[in-house]
Amino acid sequence: MTNPIILQIETATTSCSVAVARGGAVLAFKQVDQRNIHAEVITLFIDEILGQVGIGYHELDAIAVSCGPGSYTGLRIGISTAKGLCFALDKPLIAIETLEAMAYGVINDDDVQLTDGKLLCPMIDARRMEVFTAVFDANGEKIKPTAAEIINEDSFADLLGENKILFFGDGAQKCQSTLGGKPNAAFLPGFVNSATYLSQKALEKFNNQDFEDVAYFEPYYLKDFIAGK
């Protein structure tokens, strides 16, 4: 199948976003960048975008979801929605790591110039000075593994010594005061995570039949959950 229709769901960060793509090309999407609203709007957004393009649920070929790391609550909402649709429609589930999708979003952004071997460092806020992060090259290959890191002045020193790094995401905003003075550090303002960033990887995984076991798949939390008071 050369042009599968894939519903894409992104709820790992403050952005609640859904998109539908055919053959990797986004047909419609809707999102809102607001904390604690995901559960209220996710199914409404899905109904709305499918209606916009005249695609019925049973016409979907797969459901793709951003699987983490990220917000515990957001991940559970997105993945439970995706799994519910897969069960009900008997469709395959595609899982894409959130940081990888963020990197592809920047790589495919015509307004961002990736020259001179610049590296990409998506960051998701994990409270205080901790972030979920990884480092990718301009082709989307991961060169520093996904980790939860507490940012200080020595963070990424090994890479920043020889490489320009573009930091982005809601976690990067709070790190700018710590890392912003480094000569090779640059920051991308206004980045908002989006389900549209799943398109390239979702199509690749669909074509490779790289699907998850719907019954047993769990979010990629990276850290153990600690409940607040």
Protein backbone atom coordinates (compact mmCIF):
# COMPACT_ATOMS: atom_id res chain seq x y z
CA MET A 1 0.00 0.00 0.00
CA THR A 2 1.70 3.19 -1.17
CA ASN A 3 -0.65 5.77 0.31
CA PRO A 4 -1.94 4.52 3.66
CA ILE A 5 -4.29 6.77 5.61
CA ILE A 6 -2.91 7.17 9.13
CA LEU A 7 -4.47 8.96 12.08
CA GLN A 8 -1.74 10.61 14.19
CA ILE A 9 -2.08 11.52 17.87
CA GLU A 10 0.27 13.70 19.94
CA THR A 11 -0.45 14.29 23.64
CA ALA A 12 2.96 13.84 25.27
CA THR A 13 3.46 17.56 25.94
CA THR A 14 1.22 20.56 26.62
CA SER A 15 0.11 20.39 22.99
CA CYS A 16 -2.94 18.22 22.28
CA SER A 17 -2.79 17.55 18.56
CA VAL A 18 -4.28 15.17 16.01
CA ALA A 19 -3.63 14.86 12.28
CA VAL A 20 -4.64 12.61 9.42
CA ALA A 21 -2.15 11.91 6.65
CA ARG A 22 -2.30 10.00 3.38
CA GLY A 23 1.01 8.63 2.15
CA GLY A 24 2.85 10.87 4.61
CA ALA A 25 1.12 14.06 3.42
CA VAL A 26 -1.01 15.77 6.07
CA LEU A 27 -4.61 16.24 4.96
CA ALA A 28 -5.90 17.96 8.09
CA PHE A 29 -4.85 18.63 11.65
CA LYS A 30 -6.04 20.39 14.77
CA GLN A 31 -4.26 21.25 17.97
CA VAL A 32 -4.33 23.36 21.07
CA ASP A 33 -1.31 24.18 23.22
CA GLN A 34 -2.86 24.16 26.67
CA ARG A 35 -2.14 22.04 29.73
CA ASN A 36 -4.78 19.73 31.27
CA ILE A 37 -7.23 19.88 28.35
CA HIS A 38 -6.26 16.74 26.41
CA ALA A 39 -8.96 14.43 27.74
CA GLU A 40 -11.69 16.97 26.96
CA VAL A 41 -10.81 17.59 23.32
CA ILE A 42 -8.93 14.61 21.86
CA THR A 43 -11.92 12.66 20.53
CA LEU A 44 -13.66 15.86 19.37
CA PHE A 45 -10.55 16.82 17.38
CA ILE A 46 -10.41 13.38 15.75
CA ASP A 47 -14.06 13.56 14.72
CA GLU A 48 -13.57 17.06 13.37
CA ILE A 49 -10.53 16.44 11.17
CA LEU A 50 -11.90 13.19 9.74
CA GLY A 51 -15.11 15.03 8.92
CA GLN A 52 -13.16 17.82 7.23
CA VAL A 53 -11.56 15.44 4.74
CA GLY A 54 -14.52 13.06 4.40
CA ILE A 55 -12.71 10.01 5.76
CA GLY A 56 -14.59 7.44 7.84
CA TYR A 57 -12.98 5.66 10.78
CA HIS A 58 -12.98 2.33 8.97
CA GLU A 59 -11.07 3.87 6.07
CA LEU A 60 -8.05 4.42 8.31
CA ASP A 61 -5.17 2.03 7.74
CA ALA A 62 -3.39 2.59 11.06
CA ILE A 63 -3.25 4.72 14.20
CA ALA A 64 0.08 6.37 15.09
CA VAL A 65 0.75 7.82 18.51
CA SER A 66 3.56 9.75 20.15
CA CYS A 67 4.63 7.34 22.90
CA GLY A 68 6.89 9.42 25.13
CA PRO A 69 8.75 10.46 27.09
CA GLY A 70 6.56 13.28 28.29
CA SER A 71 3.64 14.05 30.55
CA TYR A 72 2.39 10.96 32.39
CA THR A 73 -1.24 12.02 32.12
CA GLY A 74 -0.93 13.23 28.54
CA LEU A 75 0.72 9.99 27.43
CA ARG A 76 -1.95 7.84 29.03
CA ILE A 77 -4.72 9.86 27.39
CA GLY A 78 -3.17 9.69 23.92
CA ILE A 79 -2.17 6.05 24.06
CA SER A 80 -5.43 4.85 25.59
CA THR A 81 -7.31 6.72 22.84
CA ALA A 82 -5.09 5.18 20.15
CA LYS A 83 -5.42 1.67 21.59
CA GLY A 84 -9.19 2.02 21.92
CA LEU A 85 -9.46 2.97 18.26
CA CYS A 86 -7.18 0.10 17.23
CA PHE A 87 -9.28 -2.41 19.16
CA ALA A 88 -12.59 -1.05 17.88
CA LEU A 89 -11.49 -0.75 14.24
CA ASP A 90 -9.08 -3.70 14.13
CA LYS A 91 -6.27 -1.45 12.91
CA PRO A 92 -2.52 -1.63 13.66
CA LEU A 93 -0.84 0.63 16.22
CA ILE A 94 2.31 2.58 15.37
CA ALA A 95 4.36 4.09 18.21
CA ILE A 96 6.85 6.90 17.64
CA GLU A 97 9.19 8.31 20.27
CA THR A 98 8.19 11.89 21.02
CA LEU A 99 11.69 13.39 20.86
CA GLU A 100 12.31 11.71 17.51
CA ALA A 101 9.08 13.16 16.11
CA MET A 102 10.08 16.61 17.38
CA ALA A 103 13.43 16.30 15.59
CA TYR A 104 11.74 15.36 12.32
CA GLY A 105 9.42 18.34 12.74
CA VAL A 106 12.40 20.70 12.72
CA ILE A 107 14.22 18.81 9.95
CA ASN A 108 11.19 19.19 7.68
CA ASP A 109 10.62 22.86 8.55
CA ASP A 110 11.65 24.96 5.55
CA ASP A 111 12.12 27.98 7.81
CA VAL A 112 14.89 26.30 9.82
CA GLN A 113 18.34 26.26 8.24
CA LEU A 114 20.32 23.17 9.20
CA THR A 115 23.82 23.86 7.91
CA ASP A 116 27.40 23.09 8.91
CA GLY A 117 26.48 19.82 10.59
CA LYS A 118 24.22 21.46 13.16
CA LEU A 119 22.79 19.01 15.70
CA LEU A 120 19.25 18.98 17.04
CA CYS A 121 18.35 18.75 20.71
CA PRO A 122 14.61 18.54 21.46
CA MET A 123 13.77 19.07 25.11
CA ILE A 124 10.58 18.30 27.04
CA ASP A 125 10.04 19.98 30.41
CA ALA A 126 10.28 17.45 33.24
CA ARG A 127 9.92 19.93 36.14
CA ARG A 128 12.52 22.11 37.83
CA MET A 129 15.78 22.03 35.81
CA GLU A 130 15.23 18.50 34.51
CA VAL A 131 14.34 17.74 30.91
CA PHE A 132 13.71 14.68 28.74
CA THR A 133 16.14 15.02 25.88
CA ALA A 134 18.20 13.37 23.15
CA VAL A 135 20.47 14.64 20.38
CA PHE A 136 19.98 13.98 16.66
CA ASP A 137 21.92 14.83 13.53
CA ALA A 138 20.35 16.66 10.59
CA ASN A 139 19.20 13.33 9.10
CA GLY A 140 17.23 12.37 12.22
CA GLU A 141 19.77 9.81 13.43
CA LYS A 142 20.07 9.73 17.23
CA ILE A 143 23.63 10.38 18.38
CA LYS A 144 22.95 10.89 22.10
CA PRO A 145 20.41 8.54 23.73
CA THR A 146 17.16 9.60 25.29
CA ALA A 147 17.59 10.50 28.95
CA ALA A 148 16.19 12.54 31.81
CA GLU A 149 18.87 15.14 32.51
CA ILE A 150 19.27 17.90 35.06
CA ILE A 151 20.68 20.83 33.11
CA ASN A 152 23.67 22.78 34.38
CA GLU A 153 26.47 24.83 32.81
CA ASP A 154 28.43 21.68 31.92
CA SER A 155 25.55 19.96 30.11
CA PHE A 156 26.37 18.95 26.50
CA ALA A 157 29.91 20.29 26.93
CA ASP A 158 31.37 17.37 24.96
CA LEU A 159 29.16 18.11 21.95
CA LEU A 160 29.06 21.91 22.16
CA GLY A 161 32.84 22.07 22.00
CA GLU A 162 32.84 20.95 18.37
CA ASN A 163 29.24 21.22 17.16
CA LYS A 164 26.52 23.80 16.83
CA ILE A 165 23.39 22.56 18.61
CA LEU A 166 19.85 23.83 18.09
CA PHE A 167 17.80 23.46 21.29
CA PHE A 168 13.99 23.53 21.07
CA GLY A 169 10.83 22.47 22.87
CA ASP A 170 9.24 23.64 26.13
CA GLY A 171 12.19 22.25 28.07
CA ALA A 172 14.66 24.37 26.09
CA GLN A 173 13.02 27.62 27.14
CA LYS A 174 13.98 27.20 30.77
CA CYS A 175 17.51 26.08 29.84
CA GLN A 176 18.32 29.13 27.76
CA SER A 177 19.61 31.12 30.73
CA THR A 178 22.00 28.26 31.59
CA LEU A 179 23.18 27.24 28.11
CA GLY A 180 22.44 30.36 26.09
CA GLY A 181 25.87 31.86 26.65
CA LYS A 182 27.67 28.97 24.94
CA PRO A 183 29.07 30.01 21.52
CA ASN A 184 27.67 26.94 19.71
CA ALA A 185 24.26 26.89 21.40
CA ALA A 186 21.23 28.21 19.51
CA PHE A 187 17.57 28.21 20.50
CA LEU A 188 14.47 27.90 18.33
CA PRO A 189 11.72 30.16 19.71
CA GLY A 190 8.04 29.36 19.52
CA PHE A 191 8.34 25.62 18.86
CA VAL A 192 5.03 23.83 19.53
CA ASN A 193 4.88 20.05 19.33
CA SER A 194 2.46 18.68 16.73
CA ALA A 195 0.92 15.43 15.51
CA THR A 196 1.99 16.49 12.01
CA TYR A 197 5.59 15.71 13.00
CA LEU A 198 4.72 11.99 13.21
CA SER A 199 4.00 11.72 9.47
CA GLN A 200 7.40 10.74 8.09
CA LYS A 201 8.18 8.12 10.71
CA ALA A 202 4.60 6.79 10.76
CA LEU A 203 4.70 6.13 7.01
CA GLU A 204 8.11 4.47 7.29
CA LYS A 205 6.94 2.19 10.09
CA PHE A 206 3.72 1.34 8.26
CA ASN A 207 5.63 0.33 5.14
CA ASN A 208 7.94 -1.84 7.28
CA GLN A 209 4.95 -3.36 9.13
CA ASP A 210 6.57 -2.15 12.37
CA PHE A 211 3.50 -2.36 14.61
CA GLU A 212 2.96 -2.64 18.37
CA ASP A 213 1.05 -5.28 20.29
CA VAL A 214 -2.10 -3.32 21.09
CA ALA A 215 -2.93 -5.38 24.18
CA TYR A 216 0.42 -4.93 25.92
CA PHE A 217 1.85 -1.66 24.64
CA GLU A 218 2.65 0.91 27.33
CA PRO A 219 3.89 4.53 27.16
CA TYR A 220 7.61 5.26 27.30
CA TYR A 221 7.64 7.07 30.63
CA LEU A 222 11.44 7.07 31.10
CA LYS A 223 10.96 7.93 34.80
CA ASP A 224 8.86 6.31 37.51
CA PHE A 225 5.67 8.17 38.31
CA ILE A 226 5.69 10.11 41.59
CA ALA A 227 2.29 11.38 42.68
CA GLY A 228 2.00 14.87 44.11
CA LYS A 229 -0.08 15.81 47.10
